[in-house]
């Protein structure tokens, strides 16, 4: 099966062929032919299986090879990161046509987004809040939209976007082509579809015998001690064959702390969380996608917007709150048919939560194995070289060298001796090494009153 077999225009087929994309995924095979006819569709497939092109190709093709200026297609996404990702994917698909795409989302200046709309962008991809904002200012005209997509609709309901979705649909024409895509399809999603769609066809591109999780992802669950997690993660990051890695944390503070810790251990890591500006989040994501930084630490705010094909490992620093969140986190690896590994740490007090997830996903896994950074099964499970330590091998840091050098320098009144260079052996004796596997001791700054700082 090829894209041409599905009725896709030759210029779009050629665009994908130039990028090495020749064969459609199952969700694309099933949705594209129907969507091209204008059939309303509810598309359900596991994350990472090509849903974006499943609705993106029909959307672009139905606008025609030379669409008139003005917004005619709308894609609504629950998070800023997902809006950016979808817009980028659509730009690739439409690169052979004069069709333009505008990404409309919060956290960014209005000017650039308004300019894109005034320049005649035909496709808008945005988050609910900013879409409603610009529509309320009469800067975004939705009255001529003929193509509408709700992407990750279940997440929009989880985030409480239903009132916003209702406002957006009230500004759309009554007659339109509507598609709704999601990895999970709970009852409220079906009710949403009945309200805003016309006789939709529910397409589920999954194997009934496959189970709820992707078969190409290896799931490992460990009962780990909170003080040893950083050490375990540092060793996992040195596993054979590890590529880009995403680590999910429960809180923004934990994400920032873990980034600092891994950077200190020599690992190139960036983080994405709610305390960062949108510009900083986009800069971090761009560095991760480009491979400049191979480790991304994120809270769930970014879970729906990370679409990188070569993520080999996902690590849950803390267990997700429910089975749906687990699926979306784990689904960041094993994308585009590749294999992946998902590692989850379960704290002692969260064993009951894992039991619920285990039951809901029909894992059938035994109770999480008690695991430490020195546990032999950790090395065999993840193919970690024997003897791996909790940090990358680096030369002595300038901070250590300068401290030792100051001890051996002549008084400041004398001439400076620049000939002395501290060797690695000298540096190693100057700083007491930390016991292998022990948690790192962090230096805390004393407050003026001398009171100990509050715990994190």
Protein backbone atom coordinates (compact mmCIF):
# COMPACT_ATOMS: atom_id res chain seq x y z
CA UNK A 1 0.00 0.00 0.00
CA UNK A 2 1.32 3.45 -0.96
CA UNK A 3 0.00 6.97 -0.50
CA UNK A 4 -0.92 7.02 -4.19
CA UNK A 5 -3.10 3.95 -3.62
CA UNK A 6 -5.01 5.97 -1.01
CA UNK A 7 -5.87 8.73 -3.49
CA UNK A 8 -3.29 11.25 -2.31
CA UNK A 9 -2.29 13.87 -4.89
CA UNK A 10 1.01 13.22 -6.63
CA UNK A 11 2.71 16.41 -5.44
CA UNK A 12 2.08 15.43 -1.82
CA UNK A 13 3.26 11.88 -2.53
CA UNK A 14 6.46 13.29 -4.07
CA UNK A 15 7.00 15.52 -1.04
CA UNK A 16 6.91 12.53 1.30
CA UNK A 17 9.01 10.38 -1.04
CA UNK A 18 11.75 13.01 -0.96
CA UNK A 19 11.85 12.60 2.82
CA UNK A 20 11.87 8.81 2.67
CA UNK A 21 8.22 8.40 3.72
CA UNK A 22 6.83 5.86 1.29
CA UNK A 23 4.32 3.64 3.09
CA UNK A 24 1.37 4.78 5.22
CA UNK A 25 0.69 3.51 8.73
CA UNK A 26 -2.53 1.57 9.44
CA UNK A 27 -4.40 4.59 10.84
CA UNK A 28 -3.48 6.50 7.68
CA UNK A 29 -4.56 3.67 5.40
CA UNK A 30 -7.98 3.58 7.03
CA UNK A 31 -8.67 7.29 7.51
CA UNK A 32 -7.22 9.05 4.46
CA UNK A 33 -9.53 7.57 1.76
CA UNK A 34 -12.66 8.30 3.83
CA UNK A 35 -11.50 11.74 4.96
CA UNK A 36 -10.79 12.77 1.37
CA UNK A 37 -14.49 12.28 0.62
CA UNK A 38 -15.55 14.58 3.45
CA UNK A 39 -16.67 11.85 5.85
CA UNK A 40 -16.62 12.85 9.53
CA UNK A 41 -14.19 10.55 11.35
CA UNK A 42 -13.30 9.53 14.88
CA UNK A 43 -9.77 8.18 14.56
CA UNK A 44 -8.38 6.08 17.38
CA UNK A 45 -4.84 4.73 17.39
CA UNK A 46 -2.02 4.37 19.86
CA UNK A 47 0.28 7.33 20.22
CA UNK A 48 3.19 7.43 17.80
CA UNK A 49 1.39 5.60 14.98
CA UNK A 50 0.91 8.47 12.52
CA UNK A 51 -2.36 10.15 13.48
CA UNK A 52 -1.15 13.62 12.46
CA UNK A 53 -0.76 12.73 8.80
CA UNK A 54 -3.96 10.70 9.04
CA UNK A 55 -5.87 13.97 9.27
CA UNK A 56 -3.21 16.34 7.88
CA UNK A 57 -3.04 14.92 4.35
CA UNK A 58 -6.82 15.02 3.75
CA UNK A 59 -7.01 18.49 5.28
CA UNK A 60 -4.33 19.88 2.95
CA UNK A 61 -5.59 18.09 -0.15
CA UNK A 62 -9.20 19.17 0.36
CA UNK A 63 -8.14 22.83 0.43
CA UNK A 64 -6.84 22.39 -3.11
CA UNK A 65 -3.46 22.98 -4.79
CA UNK A 66 -3.84 26.78 -4.69
CA UNK A 67 -6.17 27.76 -1.84
CA UNK A 68 -7.43 31.31 -1.50
CA UNK A 69 -6.08 33.42 1.38
CA UNK A 70 -7.84 33.22 4.73
CA UNK A 71 -8.43 30.59 7.41
CA UNK A 72 -10.24 27.57 5.98
CA UNK A 73 -8.92 24.78 8.20
CA UNK A 74 -8.58 24.64 11.99
CA UNK A 75 -6.70 22.13 14.15
CA UNK A 76 -7.25 22.42 17.92
CA UNK A 77 -4.61 20.92 20.23
CA UNK A 78 -4.54 20.79 24.05
CA UNK A 79 -0.93 21.91 24.63
CA UNK A 80 1.45 24.44 23.15
CA UNK A 81 4.07 21.80 22.40
CA UNK A 82 1.59 19.67 20.48
CA UNK A 83 0.36 22.70 18.51
CA UNK A 84 3.93 23.48 17.46
CA UNK A 85 4.59 19.85 16.52
CA UNK A 86 1.42 19.50 14.44
CA UNK A 87 2.11 22.79 12.66
CA UNK A 88 5.62 21.60 11.77
CA UNK A 89 4.29 18.30 10.40
CA UNK A 90 1.67 20.07 8.29
CA UNK A 91 4.29 22.46 6.93
CA UNK A 92 6.26 19.46 5.70
CA UNK A 93 3.19 17.92 4.07
CA UNK A 94 2.24 21.21 2.40
CA UNK A 95 5.76 22.26 1.41
CA UNK A 96 5.04 21.64 -2.28
CA UNK A 97 2.02 23.95 -2.26
CA UNK A 98 1.44 27.66 -1.53
CA UNK A 99 -0.63 26.65 1.50
CA UNK A 100 0.59 28.35 4.69
CA UNK A 101 0.15 27.29 8.30
CA UNK A 102 -0.07 29.54 11.37
CA UNK A 103 0.61 28.22 14.89
CA UNK A 104 -1.55 30.12 17.40
CA UNK A 105 -0.84 29.47 21.08
CA UNK A 106 -0.23 31.26 24.37
CA UNK A 107 3.08 32.22 25.91
CA UNK A 108 4.26 33.89 22.70
CA UNK A 109 3.94 37.48 21.50
CA UNK A 110 0.75 38.28 19.59
CA UNK A 111 2.45 40.23 16.82
CA UNK A 112 3.95 37.33 14.86
CA UNK A 113 0.76 35.27 15.07
CA UNK A 114 -1.41 38.20 13.99
CA UNK A 115 0.94 38.90 11.06
CA UNK A 116 0.60 35.27 9.92
CA UNK A 117 -3.19 35.56 9.97
CA UNK A 118 -3.16 38.89 8.15
CA UNK A 119 -0.81 37.42 5.54
CA UNK A 120 -3.58 34.96 4.62
CA UNK A 121 -2.66 31.69 6.37
CA UNK A 122 -5.12 29.00 5.28
CA UNK A 123 -4.52 26.50 8.11
CA UNK A 124 -4.47 27.44 11.79
CA UNK A 125 -3.16 25.10 14.48
CA UNK A 126 -3.76 26.39 17.97
CA UNK A 127 -4.59 25.93 21.62
CA UNK A 128 -8.11 26.83 22.81
CA UNK A 129 -7.24 29.86 24.95
CA UNK A 130 -5.31 31.83 22.33
CA UNK A 131 -7.79 30.88 19.58
CA UNK A 132 -10.69 32.27 21.59
CA UNK A 133 -8.65 35.35 22.50
CA UNK A 134 -7.86 36.28 18.89
CA UNK A 135 -11.36 35.40 17.69
CA UNK A 136 -12.79 37.67 20.40
CA UNK A 137 -10.61 40.52 19.14
CA UNK A 138 -11.86 39.86 15.59
CA UNK A 139 -8.31 39.05 14.51
CA UNK A 140 -9.15 35.41 13.76
CA UNK A 141 -12.11 34.81 11.47
CA UNK A 142 -13.49 31.26 11.76
CA UNK A 143 -16.64 31.84 9.72
CA UNK A 144 -15.15 30.37 6.53
CA UNK A 145 -13.60 27.24 8.06
CA UNK A 146 -14.57 24.06 6.22
CA UNK A 147 -12.11 21.61 7.84
CA UNK A 148 -11.91 21.08 11.62
CA UNK A 149 -9.75 18.68 13.63
CA UNK A 150 -9.69 18.02 17.37
CA UNK A 151 -6.35 16.40 18.15
CA UNK A 152 -5.86 14.50 21.43
CA UNK A 153 -9.49 15.18 22.33
CA UNK A 154 -9.35 13.10 25.49
CA UNK A 155 -6.59 15.31 26.89
CA UNK A 156 -8.64 18.42 26.18
CA UNK A 157 -11.43 17.04 28.30
CA UNK A 158 -8.96 16.09 31.05
CA UNK A 159 -7.66 19.66 31.08
CA UNK A 160 -11.15 21.12 31.32
CA UNK A 161 -11.27 22.58 27.82
CA UNK A 162 -14.84 21.53 27.03
CA UNK A 163 -16.32 25.05 27.58
CA UNK A 164 -13.62 26.48 25.31
CA UNK A 165 -14.30 23.85 22.63
CA UNK A 166 -17.97 24.80 22.74
CA UNK A 167 -17.09 28.47 22.24
CA UNK A 168 -14.86 27.64 19.28
CA UNK A 169 -17.50 25.48 17.60
CA UNK A 170 -20.10 28.22 18.07
CA UNK A 171 -17.98 30.41 15.76
CA UNK A 172 -17.68 27.75 13.03
CA UNK A 173 -20.06 27.20 10.11
CA UNK A 174 -22.78 24.62 10.74
CA UNK A 175 -21.77 22.69 7.63
CA UNK A 176 -18.17 21.54 7.84
CA UNK A 177 -15.93 18.48 7.71
CA UNK A 178 -14.93 17.42 11.25
CA UNK A 179 -12.35 14.89 12.41
CA UNK A 180 -11.57 13.87 15.99
CA UNK A 181 -8.39 11.97 16.85
CA UNK A 182 -7.31 10.44 20.11
CA UNK A 183 -5.32 7.53 21.53
CA UNK A 184 -8.07 6.65 24.02
CA UNK A 185 -11.81 6.88 23.54
CA UNK A 186 -13.69 7.14 26.87
CA UNK A 187 -17.43 7.77 27.04
CA UNK A 188 -17.19 11.59 27.24
CA UNK A 189 -15.28 11.64 23.94
CA UNK A 190 -18.04 9.71 22.23
CA UNK A 191 -20.58 12.17 23.64
CA UNK A 192 -18.46 15.06 22.37
CA UNK A 193 -18.39 13.53 18.91
CA UNK A 194 -22.15 13.17 18.82
CA UNK A 195 -22.58 16.85 19.63
CA UNK A 196 -20.16 18.32 17.11
CA UNK A 197 -20.00 15.77 14.28
CA UNK A 198 -22.37 14.47 11.62
CA UNK A 199 -22.71 10.67 11.44
CA UNK A 200 -19.02 10.02 12.17
CA UNK A 201 -17.35 6.73 11.43
CA UNK A 202 -15.27 5.36 14.30
CA UNK A 203 -11.97 3.98 13.00
CA UNK A 204 -9.83 2.03 15.44
CA UNK A 205 -6.45 1.15 13.98
CA UNK A 206 -5.35 -1.34 16.61
CA UNK A 207 -4.98 -5.10 16.74
CA UNK A 208 -7.60 -6.53 19.14
CA UNK A 209 -5.10 -9.19 20.22
CA UNK A 210 -2.28 -6.73 20.84
CA UNK A 211 -3.41 -5.38 24.20
CA UNK A 212 -3.61 -1.80 25.38
CA UNK A 213 0.14 -1.11 25.24
CA UNK A 214 2.33 -1.04 22.16
CA UNK A 215 3.97 -4.38 21.47
CA UNK A 216 7.24 -2.74 20.38
CA UNK A 217 7.86 -1.15 23.80
CA UNK A 218 9.60 -3.06 26.60
CA UNK A 219 8.17 -2.08 29.99
CA UNK A 220 10.32 -2.29 33.13
CA UNK A 221 8.94 -1.41 36.56
CA UNK A 222 11.20 -1.01 39.59
CA UNK A 223 10.54 -0.26 43.26
CA UNK A 224 13.30 2.30 43.82
CA UNK A 225 14.43 4.38 46.77
CA UNK A 226 13.98 8.11 46.25
CA UNK A 227 17.57 8.85 47.36
CA UNK A 228 18.98 6.37 44.85
CA UNK A 229 16.92 7.33 41.78
CA UNK A 230 19.45 9.80 40.42
CA UNK A 231 22.17 7.17 40.58
CA UNK A 232 19.96 4.59 38.86
CA UNK A 233 19.04 7.05 36.12
CA UNK A 234 22.68 7.96 35.56
CA UNK A 235 23.49 4.30 34.94
CA UNK A 236 20.51 3.75 32.66
CA UNK A 237 21.70 6.71 30.60
CA UNK A 238 24.90 4.76 29.87
CA UNK A 239 23.11 1.65 28.57
CA UNK A 240 24.26 0.20 25.27
CA UNK A 241 22.23 1.51 22.35
CA UNK A 242 20.59 4.34 24.29
CA UNK A 243 19.60 7.25 22.09
CA UNK A 244 17.42 10.23 22.91
CA UNK A 245 15.77 9.84 26.30
CA UNK A 246 12.80 11.51 27.98
CA UNK A 247 12.47 11.56 31.76
CA UNK A 248 9.09 12.48 33.23
CA UNK A 249 8.81 14.04 36.67
CA UNK A 250 5.73 14.82 38.75
CA UNK A 251 6.58 18.44 39.61
CA UNK A 252 8.27 21.43 38.01
CA UNK A 253 10.75 21.67 40.86
CA UNK A 254 11.75 18.04 40.45
CA UNK A 255 12.36 18.59 36.72
CA UNK A 256 14.61 21.59 37.36
CA UNK A 257 16.50 19.78 40.13
CA UNK A 258 17.06 16.65 38.03
CA UNK A 259 18.35 18.69 35.10
CA UNK A 260 20.90 20.36 37.36
CA UNK A 261 21.91 17.00 38.84
CA UNK A 262 22.40 15.29 35.46
CA UNK A 263 24.29 18.24 34.03
CA UNK A 264 26.56 18.11 37.08
CA UNK A 265 27.17 14.42 36.36
CA UNK A 266 28.18 15.21 32.78
CA UNK A 267 24.96 14.34 30.94
CA UNK A 268 23.62 16.81 28.34
CA UNK A 269 20.08 17.44 29.59
CA UNK A 270 17.42 20.12 29.13
CA UNK A 271 14.03 20.47 30.80
CA UNK A 272 10.52 21.56 29.82
CA UNK A 273 8.07 22.57 32.53
CA UNK A 274 5.56 25.24 33.47
CA UNK A 275 8.00 27.57 35.26
CA UNK A 276 9.90 28.18 32.01
CA UNK A 277 8.90 30.83 29.49
CA UNK A 278 7.46 29.57 26.22
CA UNK A 279 10.61 30.74 24.43
CA UNK A 280 12.78 28.71 26.83
CA UNK A 281 10.57 25.65 26.37
CA UNK A 282 10.77 25.89 22.59
CA UNK A 283 14.54 26.38 22.74
CA UNK A 284 14.88 23.24 24.89
CA UNK A 285 12.65 21.21 22.58
CA UNK A 286 14.58 22.39 19.51
CA UNK A 287 17.89 21.39 21.10
CA UNK A 288 16.47 17.96 21.95
CA UNK A 289 15.02 17.32 18.49
CA UNK A 290 18.23 18.44 16.80
CA UNK A 291 20.28 16.11 18.98
CA UNK A 292 22.27 18.92 20.61
CA UNK A 293 20.88 17.70 23.94
CA UNK A 294 20.01 14.00 24.09
CA UNK A 295 18.10 14.01 27.39
CA UNK A 296 14.81 15.83 27.94
CA UNK A 297 13.26 16.14 31.40
CA UNK A 298 9.58 17.05 31.30
CA UNK A 299 6.44 17.31 33.33
CA UNK A 300 3.18 16.11 31.81
CA UNK A 301 2.60 19.60 30.38
CA UNK A 302 4.75 18.50 27.43
CA UNK A 303 3.77 14.84 27.16
CA UNK A 304 1.36 15.34 24.28
CA UNK A 305 3.72 17.47 22.19
CA UNK A 306 6.88 15.40 21.98
CA UNK A 307 6.92 13.65 18.62
CA UNK A 308 10.49 12.54 18.01
CA UNK A 309 10.98 9.28 16.13
CA UNK A 310 14.35 8.32 17.61
CA UNK A 311 13.54 8.35 21.33
CA UNK A 312 14.84 5.01 22.63
CA UNK A 313 14.09 5.31 26.35
CA UNK A 314 11.37 6.85 28.50
CA UNK A 315 11.93 7.00 32.27
CA UNK A 316 9.13 7.75 34.72
CA UNK A 317 10.94 9.34 37.66
CA UNK A 318 7.65 9.05 39.55
CA UNK A 319 4.69 6.90 38.64
CA UNK A 320 1.95 8.60 36.57
CA UNK A 321 -1.40 9.31 38.19
CA UNK A 322 -3.40 6.98 35.93
CA UNK A 323 -3.21 4.48 33.10
CA UNK A 324 -3.97 7.06 30.37
CA UNK A 325 -1.06 9.23 31.44
CA UNK A 326 1.17 6.16 31.53
CA UNK A 327 0.22 5.28 27.95
CA UNK A 328 0.97 8.76 26.68
CA UNK A 329 4.28 8.95 28.52
CA UNK A 330 5.43 5.54 27.35
CA UNK A 331 4.21 6.35 23.85
CA UNK A 332 6.98 8.92 23.42
CA UNK A 333 9.25 5.97 22.56
CA UNK A 334 8.64 3.17 20.09
CA UNK A 335 7.32 5.65 17.53
CA UNK A 336 7.09 5.13 13.78
CA UNK A 337 7.39 1.36 14.19
CA UNK A 338 10.68 1.43 16.12
CA UNK A 339 11.33 -0.33 19.40
CA UNK A 340 11.66 1.41 22.74
CA UNK A 341 12.07 0.93 26.48
CA UNK A 342 9.89 2.44 29.21
CA UNK A 343 11.26 2.37 32.76
CA UNK A 344 9.01 3.29 35.70
CA UNK A 345 10.07 3.92 39.29
CA UNK A 346 7.44 3.12 41.91
CA UNK A 347 7.86 4.55 45.39
CA UNK A 348 6.82 2.42 48.35
CA UNK A 349 3.78 4.62 49.02
CA UNK A 350 2.68 4.39 45.36
CA UNK A 351 2.44 0.61 45.09
CA UNK A 352 -1.36 0.80 45.21
CA UNK A 353 -1.33 3.28 42.32
CA UNK A 354 0.79 0.94 40.22
CA UNK A 355 -1.61 -1.91 41.02
CA UNK A 356 -4.46 0.14 39.52
CA UNK A 357 -2.46 0.96 36.39
CA UNK A 358 -1.34 -2.64 36.05
CA UNK A 359 -4.95 -3.82 36.21
CA UNK A 360 -6.32 -1.13 33.86
CA UNK A 361 -3.71 -1.82 31.18
CA UNK A 362 -3.98 -5.58 31.58
CA UNK A 363 -0.20 -5.78 32.04
CA UNK A 364 -0.26 -8.85 34.22
CA UNK A 365 3.13 -7.86 35.59
CA UNK A 366 4.33 -9.07 38.99
CA UNK A 367 4.93 -6.68 41.86
CA UNK A 368 7.72 -4.19 41.03
CA UNK A 369 11.19 -5.53 41.79
CA UNK A 370 13.12 -3.80 44.55
CA UNK A 371 15.97 -2.17 42.67
CA UNK A 372 19.08 -0.18 43.55
CA UNK A 373 21.87 1.28 41.44
CA UNK A 374 24.00 -1.75 42.35
CA UNK A 375 21.33 -4.39 41.58
CA UNK A 376 22.63 -6.93 39.03
CA UNK A 377 19.26 -7.24 37.28
CA UNK A 378 19.33 -3.51 36.45
CA UNK A 379 22.44 -4.07 34.35
CA UNK A 380 21.07 -7.13 32.56
CA UNK A 381 17.56 -5.71 31.98
CA UNK A 382 18.89 -2.57 30.30
CA UNK A 383 22.19 -3.83 28.84
CA UNK A 384 24.32 -1.53 30.99
CA UNK A 385 28.07 -2.25 30.79
CA UNK A 386 29.46 -3.84 33.95
CA UNK A 387 31.43 -1.34 36.01
CA UNK A 388 29.41 1.68 34.90
CA UNK A 389 29.53 4.51 37.41
CA UNK A 390 26.97 7.20 38.17
CA UNK A 391 28.60 9.90 36.07
CA UNK A 392 30.32 10.29 32.76
CA UNK A 393 34.10 10.25 32.74
CA UNK A 394 35.27 13.84 32.70
CA UNK A 395 38.49 15.69 33.36
CA UNK A 396 38.81 17.46 36.72
CA UNK A 397 36.59 20.52 36.71
CA UNK A 398 38.15 24.01 36.77
CA UNK A 399 36.59 24.53 40.20
CA UNK A 400 38.55 21.59 41.69
CA UNK A 401 41.77 22.54 39.92
CA UNK A 402 41.66 26.15 41.05
CA UNK A 403 41.01 25.12 44.66
CA UNK A 404 44.07 22.88 44.73
CA UNK A 405 46.17 25.39 42.85
CA UNK A 406 45.36 28.07 45.39
CA UNK A 407 46.72 25.84 48.17
CA UNK A 408 50.11 25.56 46.43
CA UNK A 409 50.44 29.14 45.17
CA UNK A 410 52.85 31.65 46.67
CA UNK A 411 51.41 34.60 48.63
CA UNK A 412 49.70 37.18 46.45
CA UNK A 413 52.63 39.58 46.96
CA UNK A 414 54.99 37.22 45.20
CA UNK A 415 55.26 36.49 41.50
CA UNK A 416 52.55 34.18 40.15
CA UNK A 417 53.84 30.74 39.21
CA UNK A 418 51.93 29.66 36.11
CA UNK A 419 54.06 26.60 35.50
CA UNK A 420 52.25 24.41 38.05
CA UNK A 421 49.44 22.27 36.65
CA UNK A 422 47.37 20.02 38.88
CA UNK A 423 47.27 16.45 37.71
CA UNK A 424 44.22 14.18 37.88
CA UNK A 425 45.90 12.26 40.72
CA UNK A 426 46.45 15.45 42.72
CA UNK A 427 42.87 16.53 42.14
CA UNK A 428 41.55 13.17 43.26
CA UNK A 429 43.35 13.49 46.58
CA UNK A 430 42.12 17.04 47.07
CA UNK A 431 38.44 16.12 47.07
CA UNK A 432 37.06 13.25 49.07
CA UNK A 433 35.28 10.88 46.65
CA UNK A 434 31.62 10.08 47.21
CA UNK A 435 30.79 6.47 48.03
CA UNK A 436 29.54 4.60 45.01
CA UNK A 437 25.73 4.51 44.86
CA UNK A 438 25.32 7.08 47.66
CA UNK A 439 23.10 10.08 47.00
CA UNK A 440 24.90 13.29 46.10
CA UNK A 441 25.29 15.84 48.88
CA UNK A 442 24.16 19.24 47.69
CA UNK A 443 25.70 22.42 49.08
CA UNK A 444 23.06 24.71 50.60
CA UNK A 445 23.46 28.43 51.07
CA UNK A 446 22.88 29.60 54.61
CA UNK A 447 20.27 32.25 55.17
CA UNK A 448 21.17 35.46 56.94
CA UNK A 449 19.54 34.33 60.17
CA UNK A 450 21.51 31.10 60.16
CA UNK A 451 18.31 29.03 59.98
CA UNK A 452 18.34 25.96 57.79
CA UNK A 453 16.54 26.38 54.45
CA UNK A 454 13.12 24.81 54.10
CA UNK A 455 13.11 21.38 52.46
CA UNK A 456 12.33 21.13 48.76
